[in-house]
Protein backbone atom coordinates (compact mmCIF):
# COMPACT_ATOMS: atom_id res chain seq x y z
CA MET A 1 68.20 8.13 -101.20
CA GLN A 2 67.02 5.84 -104.29
CA ILE A 3 67.48 1.92 -103.82
CA GLY A 4 67.14 -0.63 -105.94
CA TRP A 5 63.97 -1.15 -107.29
CA LEU A 6 62.77 1.92 -106.08
CA GLU A 7 65.23 3.70 -108.51
CA ASP A 8 61.99 3.71 -111.26
CA LYS A 9 60.51 6.94 -111.45
CA GLN A 10 57.00 6.24 -111.70
CA THR A 11 57.44 3.67 -108.73
CA ARG A 12 59.16 5.96 -106.39
CA ALA A 13 56.54 8.61 -107.06
CA LYS A 14 53.98 6.23 -105.90
CA ALA A 15 55.78 4.99 -102.77
CA ILE A 16 56.34 8.68 -101.45
CA GLU A 17 52.37 9.00 -102.53
CA LEU A 18 51.53 6.26 -100.12
CA THR A 19 54.06 7.05 -98.06
CA ASN A 20 52.86 10.53 -97.10
CA VAL A 21 49.44 8.97 -97.01
CA ILE A 22 50.40 6.09 -94.36
CA ARG A 23 51.92 9.16 -92.08
CA TYR A 24 48.39 11.15 -92.57
CA PHE A 25 46.22 7.85 -91.16
CA ALA A 26 49.02 7.87 -88.70
CA ASN A 27 48.44 11.74 -87.08
CA ARG A 28 44.57 10.88 -87.64
CA GLY A 29 45.28 7.65 -85.19
CA TRP A 30 43.78 5.20 -87.45
CA THR A 31 47.20 3.54 -87.66
CA PRO A 32 48.79 3.15 -84.37
CA ALA A 33 51.94 1.54 -83.10
CA THR A 34 52.78 -1.21 -86.36
CA SER A 35 49.89 -2.40 -87.06
CA SER A 36 48.09 -1.81 -90.42
CA ASN A 37 49.12 -2.31 -94.10
CA PHE A 38 48.99 -0.76 -97.34
CA SER A 39 50.12 -1.46 -101.33
CA PHE A 40 49.49 -0.60 -104.59
CA VAL A 41 49.84 -1.93 -107.97
CA LYS A 42 53.69 -1.59 -109.79
CA ASP A 43 52.84 -3.84 -112.89
CA GLN A 44 49.39 -5.49 -113.79
CA GLU A 45 50.48 -7.37 -116.74
CA GLN A 46 53.55 -8.30 -114.20
CA LYS A 47 51.42 -8.96 -111.44
CA THR A 48 54.61 -7.34 -108.81
CA PHE A 49 53.06 -5.42 -106.37
CA VAL A 50 54.30 -3.09 -103.50
CA ILE A 51 53.05 -3.35 -99.97
CA SER A 52 54.20 -2.02 -96.42
CA ARG A 53 56.79 -4.63 -94.48
CA SER A 54 55.92 -6.34 -91.47
CA GLY A 55 56.79 -4.21 -88.20
CA GLN A 56 56.99 -0.79 -89.31
CA ASP A 57 55.85 1.87 -87.39
CA LYS A 58 53.21 3.95 -89.40
CA SER A 59 54.25 7.25 -87.48
CA GLN A 60 57.88 6.89 -89.19
CA PHE A 61 57.41 5.67 -92.23
CA LYS A 62 59.76 5.86 -95.14
CA PRO A 63 59.23 4.95 -98.98
CA ASN A 64 62.04 2.33 -97.79
CA HIS A 65 60.00 0.50 -95.58
CA LEU A 66 57.76 -0.59 -98.51
CA MET A 67 58.79 -3.92 -100.68
CA LEU A 68 57.80 -5.21 -104.07
CA ILE A 69 55.88 -9.23 -104.15
CA ASP A 70 54.89 -11.07 -106.80
CA GLU A 71 51.28 -12.73 -107.35
CA ARG A 72 51.72 -15.01 -104.78
CA GLY A 73 53.07 -12.73 -102.05
CA GLN A 74 56.66 -13.79 -102.08
CA ALA A 75 59.26 -11.22 -101.80
CA ILE A 76 61.07 -9.92 -104.93
CA ALA A 77 63.01 -7.02 -103.16
CA PRO A 78 64.49 -6.90 -100.83
CA LYS A 79 64.64 -10.75 -101.00
CA GLU A 80 65.37 -10.95 -96.96
CA ALA A 81 62.14 -8.66 -96.41
CA LYS A 82 58.61 -9.62 -94.70
CA PRO A 83 55.93 -8.64 -95.98
CA SER A 84 52.53 -7.88 -94.11
CA ALA A 85 50.96 -10.67 -92.58
CA GLU A 86 48.10 -9.99 -94.50
CA THR A 87 49.24 -9.89 -97.79
CA LEU A 88 46.88 -12.37 -99.21
CA ILE A 89 44.33 -10.29 -98.72
CA HIS A 90 45.62 -7.23 -100.72
CA LEU A 91 45.94 -9.90 -103.36
CA SER A 92 42.45 -11.40 -103.09
CA LEU A 93 41.04 -7.91 -103.81
CA TYR A 94 43.73 -7.29 -106.97
CA LYS A 95 42.45 -10.18 -108.51
CA TRP A 96 38.78 -9.26 -107.96
CA GLN A 97 38.38 -5.51 -109.46
CA PRO A 98 40.96 -3.74 -111.35
CA VAL A 99 41.84 -1.35 -108.55
CA GLU A 100 45.72 0.01 -108.35
CA CYS A 101 45.69 0.71 -104.67
CA VAL A 102 44.49 -1.20 -101.03
CA LEU A 103 44.14 0.47 -97.56
CA HIS A 104 44.08 -1.36 -94.13
CA THR A 105 43.51 0.90 -91.08
CA HIS A 106 42.75 0.20 -87.57
CA SER A 107 40.99 3.36 -86.29
CA PRO A 108 39.50 3.04 -82.90
CA ALA A 109 36.03 3.79 -84.36
CA SER A 110 36.40 0.71 -86.67
CA THR A 111 37.28 -1.72 -84.39
CA VAL A 112 34.69 -0.74 -82.05
CA LEU A 113 31.83 -0.92 -84.45
CA SER A 114 33.38 -4.16 -85.85
CA MET A 115 32.59 -5.79 -82.98
CA LYS A 116 29.11 -4.17 -82.18
CA TYR A 117 28.30 -5.32 -85.86
CA ALA A 118 30.09 -8.38 -86.01
CA GLY A 119 26.72 -10.19 -85.25
CA SER A 120 26.35 -14.05 -85.28
CA GLY A 121 28.80 -13.55 -88.38
CA ILE A 122 30.71 -16.83 -87.59
CA ASP A 123 31.56 -17.28 -91.66
CA PHE A 124 31.77 -15.66 -94.48
CA ALA A 125 28.19 -16.86 -95.81
CA HIS A 126 26.93 -14.67 -93.08
CA PRO A 127 28.85 -11.96 -92.29
CA GLY A 128 27.67 -8.87 -90.06
CA GLU A 129 27.12 -5.56 -91.75
CA MET A 130 26.90 -1.42 -91.34
CA THR A 131 24.85 -0.27 -93.11
CA PHE A 132 24.63 4.02 -94.43
CA THR A 133 21.94 5.93 -95.91
CA GLY A 134 21.24 9.83 -95.94
CA TYR A 135 24.88 10.76 -95.45
CA GLU A 136 26.13 13.13 -98.38
CA ILE A 137 29.68 12.15 -97.39
CA LYS A 138 28.76 8.81 -99.49
CA LYS A 139 29.04 10.26 -102.69
CA ALA A 140 33.31 10.00 -101.93
CA PHE A 141 32.45 6.60 -102.37
CA ASP A 142 33.29 5.84 -106.99
CA GLY A 143 29.93 5.51 -108.75
CA ILE A 144 27.71 7.20 -105.79
CA ASP A 145 25.81 10.36 -106.66
CA THR A 146 23.11 10.76 -103.91
CA HIS A 147 23.08 10.59 -100.20
CA ASP A 148 19.89 8.36 -100.82
CA THR A 149 21.83 5.36 -101.94
CA THR A 150 22.10 2.77 -99.11
CA VAL A 151 25.78 1.40 -98.49
CA THR A 152 26.29 -1.63 -96.53
CA LEU A 153 29.56 -2.81 -95.13
CA PRO A 154 30.06 -6.02 -94.72
CA VAL A 155 32.10 -7.12 -91.36
CA PHE A 156 33.76 -10.60 -91.67
CA PRO A 157 35.04 -12.88 -88.79
CA ASN A 158 38.72 -12.77 -87.72
CA SER A 159 41.12 -15.11 -88.11
CA GLN A 160 44.76 -15.95 -87.84
CA ASN A 161 44.88 -18.13 -90.66
CA MET A 162 45.71 -15.75 -93.80
CA VAL A 163 45.07 -18.40 -96.16
CA GLU A 164 42.24 -19.78 -95.17
CA PHE A 165 40.94 -16.07 -94.89
CA ALA A 166 41.62 -15.15 -98.57
CA GLU A 167 40.29 -18.33 -99.58
CA ASN A 168 36.76 -17.63 -97.77
CA LEU A 169 37.39 -13.65 -98.85
CA ASP A 170 38.00 -14.95 -102.82
CA ARG A 171 34.44 -16.91 -102.60
CA TYR A 172 32.58 -13.97 -101.18
CA LEU A 173 33.89 -11.49 -103.46
CA ALA A 174 33.64 -13.74 -106.63
CA ARG A 175 29.47 -13.44 -105.62
CA SER A 176 29.60 -9.43 -104.98
CA ASP A 177 29.44 -6.79 -107.49
CA GLU A 178 29.29 -3.52 -105.80
CA LEU A 179 31.44 -3.23 -102.37
CA PHE A 180 33.37 -0.35 -101.41
CA GLY A 181 35.07 -1.99 -98.01
CA PHE A 182 34.34 -4.24 -95.60
CA ALA A 183 35.75 -4.72 -91.90
CA ILE A 184 37.12 -7.48 -89.83
CA ALA A 185 35.75 -7.86 -86.13
CA GLY A 186 37.89 -6.26 -83.48
CA HIS A 187 40.61 -5.64 -86.43
CA GLY A 188 39.71 -2.49 -88.59
CA LEU A 189 38.74 -1.43 -91.82
CA TYR A 190 40.12 -2.41 -95.82
CA THR A 191 39.15 -0.32 -98.53
CA TRP A 192 40.51 0.21 -102.21
CA GLY A 193 40.62 2.74 -105.37
CA LYS A 194 41.60 3.29 -108.90
CA THR A 195 44.30 5.46 -107.60
CA ILE A 196 45.99 5.65 -104.28
CA GLN A 197 44.16 9.39 -103.69
CA ALA A 198 40.76 7.45 -104.64
CA ALA A 199 42.04 4.68 -101.97
CA LYS A 200 42.45 7.85 -99.39
CA ARG A 201 39.25 9.38 -99.87
CA HIS A 202 37.53 5.82 -99.44
CA VAL A 203 39.32 5.77 -95.88
CA GLU A 204 38.15 9.35 -94.81
CA ALA A 205 34.36 8.51 -96.01
CA TRP A 206 34.13 5.48 -94.09
CA GLU A 207 35.78 6.69 -91.27
CA PHE A 208 33.59 9.92 -91.12
CA LEU A 209 30.69 7.84 -91.27
CA PHE A 210 32.25 5.48 -88.42
CA GLU A 211 32.50 8.72 -86.35
CA CYS A 212 28.72 9.52 -87.24
CA ARG A 213 27.56 5.85 -86.39
CA LEU A 214 29.04 6.08 -82.69
CA LEU A 215 27.52 9.70 -82.41
CA GLU A 216 24.13 8.24 -83.30
CA LEU A 217 24.74 5.28 -80.74
CA ARG A 218 25.62 7.76 -77.99
CA ILE A 219 22.62 10.16 -78.39
CA GLY A 220 20.23 7.36 -78.78
């Protein structure tokens, strides 16, 4: 059933595409319960975005569980809908780079490793980090064409204050040129892409690397 703003053909096609990605992640165990949040750009000139509503079971996710917001994260449609608590993080990423989709997952691997590698990163000036070298899968990230490239994933401290977190993230991104994702300690992964499928590919690459790191740690 088409409803309101979702009647736009292009927007609805993207909403269905994102919904399929979300349910795929849920089937992989990367977005349990009502965790995680996902978005895409509706209109870059008008600065409108589509994002998952708060409190939705991702295994049962449907296009009408998405909503339209403005550049401040305020609801456009449906007016009564509540956007994800981490909407401001998505908006920071859209301001930083011309990406079309932002995906945030809560897999066990990303959550556990983000705790291990948080280190003493108590602020954004000195975050923890995970580095990966030698893995062929890194070529899944846009612009990387060799396994010899070292990819670094910053690990930021967790916070319940999203305004403060987004402000700190803005400052970090302002001095960052190449970044393929970041983790939040005890929380999970954020990554993005120039299309929904590119962002999905990045999630899959990161999750593969996380599983490899867990195996590395297990076998010593």
